[in-house]
C-alpha atoms as a PDB file:
ATOM      1  CA  MET A   1      25.563 -89.118 268.309  1.00  0.00           C
ATOM      2  CA  TYR A   2      28.039 -88.290 265.529  1.00  0.00           C
ATOM      3  CA  THR A   3      27.059 -89.392 262.063  1.00  0.00           C
ATOM      4  CA  PRO A   4      29.920 -89.158 259.580  1.00  0.00           C
ATOM      5  CA  THR A   5      29.055 -87.511 256.311  1.00  0.00           C
ATOM      6  CA  VAL A   6      30.342 -88.776 253.035  1.00  0.00           C
ATOM      7  CA  SER A   7      31.015 -86.231 250.363  1.00  0.00           C
ATOM      8  CA  ILE A   8      29.216 -86.552 247.053  1.00  0.00           C
ATOM      9  CA  LEU A   9      32.597 -87.083 245.391  1.00  0.00           C
ATOM     10  CA  ALA A  10      33.371 -90.031 247.660  1.00  0.00           C
ATOM     11  CA  ARG A  11      30.004 -91.616 246.856  1.00  0.00           C
ATOM     12  CA  LEU A  12      30.433 -91.061 243.126  1.00  0.00           C
ATOM     13  CA  ALA A  13      34.103 -92.056 242.940  1.00  0.00           C
ATOM     14  CA  PRO A  14      33.464 -95.688 241.852  1.00  0.00           C
ATOM     15  CA  ALA A  15      31.132 -94.519 239.076  1.00  0.00           C
ATOM     16  CA  LEU A  16      33.596 -91.850 237.954  1.00  0.00           C
ATOM     17  CA  VAL A  17      36.400 -94.397 237.818  1.00  0.00           C
ATOM     18  CA  ALA A  18      34.212 -96.713 235.721  1.00  0.00           C
ATOM     19  CA  VAL A  19      33.410 -93.913 233.269  1.00  0.00           C
ATOM     20  CA  ALA A  20      37.059 -92.892 233.045  1.00  0.00           C
ATOM     21  CA  ALA A  21      38.084 -96.488 232.411  1.00  0.00           C
ATOM     22  CA  ALA A  22      35.464 -96.912 229.696  1.00  0.00           C
ATOM     23  CA  THR A  23      36.455 -93.725 227.899  1.00  0.00           C
ATOM     24  CA  THR A  24      39.933 -93.097 226.637  1.00  0.00           C
ATOM     25  CA  PHE A  25      41.583 -90.229 224.898  1.00  0.00           C
ATOM     26  CA  THR A  26      45.225 -91.044 224.490  1.00  0.00           C
ATOM     27  CA  PRO A  27      47.586 -88.417 223.178  1.00  0.00           C
ATOM     28  CA  GLY A  28      50.811 -89.567 221.670  1.00  0.00           C
ATOM     29  CA  PRO A  29      54.003 -87.845 220.705  1.00  0.00           C
ATOM     30  CA  ALA A  30      53.980 -85.776 217.568  1.00  0.00           C
ATOM     31  CA  HIS A  31      55.584 -87.119 214.429  1.00  0.00           C
ATOM     32  CA  ALA A  32      59.211 -86.051 214.714  1.00  0.00           C
ATOM     33  CA  ASP A  33      59.790 -87.086 211.103  1.00  0.00           C
ATOM     34  CA  VAL A  34      56.998 -84.988 209.555  1.00  0.00           C
ATOM     35  CA  SER A  35      58.337 -82.248 207.318  1.00  0.00           C
ATOM     36  CA  LYS A  36      57.285 -78.611 207.506  1.00  0.00           C
ATOM     37  CA  LYS A  37      55.666 -78.991 204.078  1.00  0.00           C
ATOM     38  CA  VAL A  38      53.443 -81.860 205.248  1.00  0.00           C
ATOM     39  CA  ILE A  39      52.526 -79.956 208.420  1.00  0.00           C
ATOM     40  CA  ALA A  40      51.690 -76.844 206.375  1.00  0.00           C
ATOM     41  CA  THR A  41      49.496 -78.883 204.017  1.00  0.00           C
ATOM     42  CA  PHE A  42      47.322 -80.174 206.861  1.00  0.00           C
ATOM     43  CA  LYS A  43      47.582 -77.128 209.181  1.00  0.00           C
ATOM     44  CA  GLY A  44      44.349 -76.611 211.119  1.00  0.00           C
ATOM     45  CA  LYS A  45      42.967 -80.049 210.203  1.00  0.00           C
ATOM     46  CA  ILE A  46      42.242 -83.248 212.102  1.00  0.00           C
ATOM     47  CA  LEU A  47      42.682 -86.497 210.175  1.00  0.00           C
ATOM     48  CA  ILE A  48      40.612 -89.429 211.464  1.00  0.00           C
ATOM     49  CA  THR A  49      42.100 -92.809 210.546  1.00  0.00           C
ATOM     50  CA  ALA A  50      41.725 -96.497 211.348  1.00  0.00           C
ATOM     51  CA  SER A  51      45.373 -96.787 212.436  1.00  0.00           C
ATOM     52  CA  PRO A  52      48.240 -94.422 213.289  1.00  0.00           C
ATOM     53  CA  LEU A  53      49.752 -92.541 210.357  1.00  0.00           C
ATOM     54  CA  GLU A  54      53.355 -93.172 209.381  1.00  0.00           C
ATOM     55  CA  ALA A  55      55.459 -90.747 207.377  1.00  0.00           C
ATOM     56  CA  GLY A  56      57.376 -92.364 204.587  1.00  0.00           C
ATOM     57  CA  GLY A  57      59.013 -91.469 201.334  1.00  0.00           C
ATOM     58  CA  ASP A  58      58.846 -87.939 200.032  1.00  0.00           C
ATOM     59  CA  ASP A  59      56.431 -85.181 201.063  1.00  0.00           C
ATOM     60  CA  LYS A  60      54.193 -85.626 198.029  1.00  0.00           C
ATOM     61  CA  GLY A  61      53.829 -89.360 198.712  1.00  0.00           C
ATOM     62  CA  THR A  62      53.189 -88.832 202.432  1.00  0.00           C
ATOM     63  CA  ILE A  63      50.502 -86.205 201.753  1.00  0.00           C
ATOM     64  CA  ALA A  64      48.763 -88.419 199.175  1.00  0.00           C
ATOM     65  CA  ASP A  65      48.963 -91.477 201.457  1.00  0.00           C
ATOM     66  CA  TRP A  66      47.546 -89.639 204.465  1.00  0.00           C
ATOM     67  CA  LYS A  67      44.695 -88.128 202.449  1.00  0.00           C
ATOM     68  CA  LYS A  68      43.846 -91.633 201.233  1.00  0.00           C
ATOM     69  CA  LYS A  69      43.919 -93.070 204.778  1.00  0.00           C
ATOM     70  CA  ALA A  70      41.626 -90.384 206.242  1.00  0.00           C
ATOM     71  CA  VAL A  71      38.158 -91.837 206.822  1.00  0.00           C
ATOM     72  CA  THR A  72      34.693 -90.286 206.775  1.00  0.00           C
ATOM     73  CA  SER A  73      33.094 -92.936 208.972  1.00  0.00           C
ATOM     74  CA  VAL A  74      34.045 -94.942 212.030  1.00  0.00           C
ATOM     75  CA  LYS A  75      32.613 -98.411 212.645  1.00  0.00           C
ATOM     76  CA  GLY A  76      31.545 -99.012 216.207  1.00  0.00           C
ATOM     77  CA  GLN A  77      30.832-102.052 218.279  1.00  0.00           C
ATOM     78  CA  VAL A  78      28.815-102.896 221.353  1.00  0.00           C
ATOM     79  CA  ASN A  79      31.005-102.965 224.447  1.00  0.00           C
ATOM     80  CA  GLY A  80      30.689-105.196 227.520  1.00  0.00           C
ATOM     81  CA  ASN A  81      28.039-102.867 228.952  1.00  0.00           C
ATOM     82  CA  ASP A  82      25.807-103.266 225.863  1.00  0.00           C
ATOM     83  CA  VAL A  83      26.624 -99.705 224.779  1.00  0.00           C
ATOM     84  CA  GLN A  84      27.723 -98.748 221.258  1.00  0.00           C
ATOM     85  CA  GLU A  85      31.283 -97.399 221.255  1.00  0.00           C
ATOM     86  CA  TRP A  86      33.731 -96.156 218.645  1.00  0.00           C
ATOM     87  CA  THR A  87      37.529 -96.219 218.662  1.00  0.00           C
ATOM     88  CA  PHE A  88      39.628 -94.314 216.148  1.00  0.00           C
ATOM     89  CA  ASN A  89      43.000 -92.652 215.656  1.00  0.00           C
ATOM     90  CA  TYR A  90      43.453 -88.950 215.124  1.00  0.00           C
ATOM     91  CA  THR A  91      46.291 -86.754 213.919  1.00  0.00           C
ATOM     92  CA  ALA A  92      45.740 -83.037 214.516  1.00  0.00           C
ATOM     93  CA  PHE A  93      47.821 -80.393 212.778  1.00  0.00           C
ATOM     94  CA  LEU A  94      47.409 -77.416 215.074  1.00  0.00           C
ATOM     95  CA  GLY A  95      46.678 -74.083 213.431  1.00  0.00           C
ATOM     96  CA  LYS A  96      47.683 -72.205 216.578  1.00  0.00           C
ATOM     97  CA  LEU A  97      50.235 -73.219 219.179  1.00  0.00           C
ATOM     98  CA  GLY A  98      50.455 -72.391 222.867  1.00  0.00           C
ATOM     99  CA  ALA A  99      47.729 -74.479 224.525  1.00  0.00           C
ATOM    100  CA  THR A 100      48.708 -76.956 227.244  1.00  0.00           C
ATOM    101  CA  SER A 101      45.244 -78.521 227.327  1.00  0.00           C
ATOM    102  CA  LEU A 102      42.696 -78.978 224.556  1.00  0.00           C
ATOM    103  CA  THR A 103      39.150 -80.272 224.229  1.00  0.00           C
ATOM    104  CA  LEU A 104      38.008 -82.445 221.329  1.00  0.00           C
ATOM    105  CA  GLU A 105      34.393 -81.424 220.722  1.00  0.00           C
ATOM    106  CA  PHE A 106      31.825 -83.340 218.653  1.00  0.00           C
ATOM    107  CA  TYR A 107      29.104 -81.348 216.853  1.00  0.00           C
ATOM    108  CA  ASP A 108      25.974 -82.590 215.088  1.00  0.00           C
ATOM    109  CA  GLY A 109      25.645 -79.624 212.730  1.00  0.00           C
ATOM    110  CA  ASP A 110      25.784 -76.640 215.084  1.00  0.00           C
ATOM    111  CA  LYS A 111      24.597 -78.676 218.071  1.00  0.00           C
ATOM    112  CA  TYR A 112      27.197 -79.699 220.642  1.00  0.00           C
ATOM    113  CA  ALA A 113      27.062 -83.459 221.336  1.00  0.00           C
ATOM    114  CA  ALA A 114      30.095 -84.557 223.383  1.00  0.00           C
ATOM    115  CA  ASN A 115      33.694 -83.750 224.237  1.00  0.00           C
ATOM    116  CA  ARG A 116      36.932 -85.183 225.504  1.00  0.00           C
ATOM    117  CA  MET A 117      39.598 -83.289 227.492  1.00  0.00           C
ATOM    118  CA  LEU A 118      43.236 -83.649 226.560  1.00  0.00           C
ATOM    119  CA  THR A 119      45.885 -82.379 228.974  1.00  0.00           C
ATOM    120  CA  GLY A 120      49.667 -82.329 229.076  1.00  0.00           C
ATOM    121  CA  ILE A 121      50.017 -80.877 225.578  1.00  0.00           C
ATOM    122  CA  ASP A 122      53.419 -79.558 224.536  1.00  0.00           C
ATOM    123  CA  PRO A 123      52.526 -75.946 223.640  1.00  0.00           C
ATOM    124  CA  LYS A 124      55.222 -75.880 220.936  1.00  0.00           C
ATOM    125  CA  ASP A 125      54.170 -79.090 219.162  1.00  0.00           C
ATOM    126  CA  PRO A 126      52.378 -78.500 215.829  1.00  0.00           C
ATOM    127  CA  VAL A 127      51.232 -82.139 215.462  1.00  0.00           C
ATOM    128  CA  LEU A 128      49.230 -84.124 217.992  1.00  0.00           C
ATOM    129  CA  GLU A 129      48.268 -87.761 217.553  1.00  0.00           C
ATOM    130  CA  GLY A 130      46.587 -90.477 219.542  1.00  0.00           C
ATOM    131  CA  ASP A 131      43.447 -92.558 219.786  1.00  0.00           C
ATOM    132  CA  ILE A 132      40.042 -92.135 221.346  1.00  0.00           C
ATOM    133  CA  THR A 133      37.242 -94.408 222.483  1.00  0.00           C
ATOM    134  CA  ILE A 134      33.862 -92.787 223.051  1.00  0.00           C
ATOM    135  CA  ASP A 135      30.371 -94.244 223.444  1.00  0.00           C
ATOM    136  CA  GLU A 136      26.662 -93.495 223.183  1.00  0.00           C
ATOM    137  CA  ASP A 137      26.380 -92.823 226.914  1.00  0.00           C
ATOM    138  CA  GLU A 138      28.559 -89.764 226.348  1.00  0.00           C
ATOM    139  CA  GLY A 139      26.225 -88.144 223.845  1.00  0.00           C
ATOM    140  CA  LEU A 140      26.965 -89.660 220.437  1.00  0.00           C
ATOM    141  CA  THR A 141      24.376 -91.557 218.384  1.00  0.00           C
ATOM    142  CA  LYS A 142      24.931 -94.389 215.924  1.00  0.00           C
ATOM    143  CA  GLY A 143      24.279 -93.256 212.349  1.00  0.00           C
ATOM    144  CA  LYS A 144      24.791 -89.549 213.040  1.00  0.00           C
ATOM    145  CA  ARG A 145      27.467 -87.381 211.460  1.00  0.00           C
ATOM    146  CA  TYR A 146      29.741 -85.255 213.651  1.00  0.00           C
ATOM    147  CA  THR A 147      32.227 -82.502 212.958  1.00  0.00           C
ATOM    148  CA  LEU A 148      35.175 -82.679 215.351  1.00  0.00           C
ATOM    149  CA  LYS A 149      36.854 -79.519 216.652  1.00  0.00           C
ATOM    150  CA  LEU A 150      39.927 -79.277 218.831  1.00  0.00           C
ATOM    151  CA  VAL A 151      39.628 -76.153 220.983  1.00  0.00           C
ATOM    152  CA  GLY A 152      41.721 -74.550 223.692  1.00  0.00           C
ATOM    153  CA  LYS A 153      42.991 -71.328 225.178  1.00  0.00           C
ATOM    154  CA  VAL A 154      45.816 -69.674 223.289  1.00  0.00           C
ATOM    155  CA  LYS A 155      47.077 -66.380 224.730  1.00  0.00           C
ATOM    156  CA  GLY A 156      43.999 -66.244 226.963  1.00  0.00           C
ATOM    157  CA  LYS A 157      41.491 -66.599 224.132  1.00  0.00           C
ATOM    158  CA  GLU A 158      39.361 -69.696 223.366  1.00  0.00           C
ATOM    159  CA  VAL A 159      40.139 -70.764 219.785  1.00  0.00           C
ATOM    160  CA  THR A 160      39.636 -73.724 217.470  1.00  0.00           C
ATOM    161  CA  VAL A 161      43.131 -75.009 216.688  1.00  0.00           C
ATOM    162  CA  ALA A 162      42.057 -77.821 214.329  1.00  0.00           C
ATOM    163  CA  ALA A 163      38.902 -79.412 212.901  1.00  0.00           C
ATOM    164  CA  THR A 164      37.862 -82.202 210.590  1.00  0.00           C
ATOM    165  CA  ALA A 165      37.366 -81.070 206.991  1.00  0.00           C
ATOM    166  CA  GLY A 166      33.920 -82.703 206.952  1.00  0.00           C
ATOM    167  CA  ALA A 167      31.593 -84.653 209.187  1.00  0.00           C
ATOM    168  CA  ILE A 168      32.470 -88.146 210.422  1.00  0.00           C
ATOM    169  CA  THR A 169      29.674 -90.752 210.522  1.00  0.00           C
ATOM    170  CA  MET A 170      29.518 -92.948 213.606  1.00  0.00           C
ATOM    171  CA  GLU A 171      28.403 -96.329 212.200  1.00  0.00           C
END
């Protein structure tokens, strides 16, 4: 008698779809209206904000406004699965160009905690922006502080292309 076998992937597919739906990492187009001076000021940094950043006025005003809007903590909420989750916007000013995929990594001190893959990156774009939703089931803990690093392969070498200036508290 023939007994069909079901691959592990086929059995896990519904669970994988649920996890993918619960976790988002949405890249957006880079700011076309950001000047070279503003990009140079934030080069190699990731700004975490409550809402997307908008360039406006002169460079000095934009830089001051964006520094003011950068947050050091992100308030979370319990989702429909009774799991704490956090949603925030990011704007990354890449220190090195050339990667077509990047990974946003969360570190508790030197200890790796979680990550999020980002694909379809324009390797010539110096600014990357979007939003992310991540939850406790993925390795983060309410009340802990995390440094975020954006890493990828540039010219065959794994490098950090941007990072937060300090740790971000997940409240």
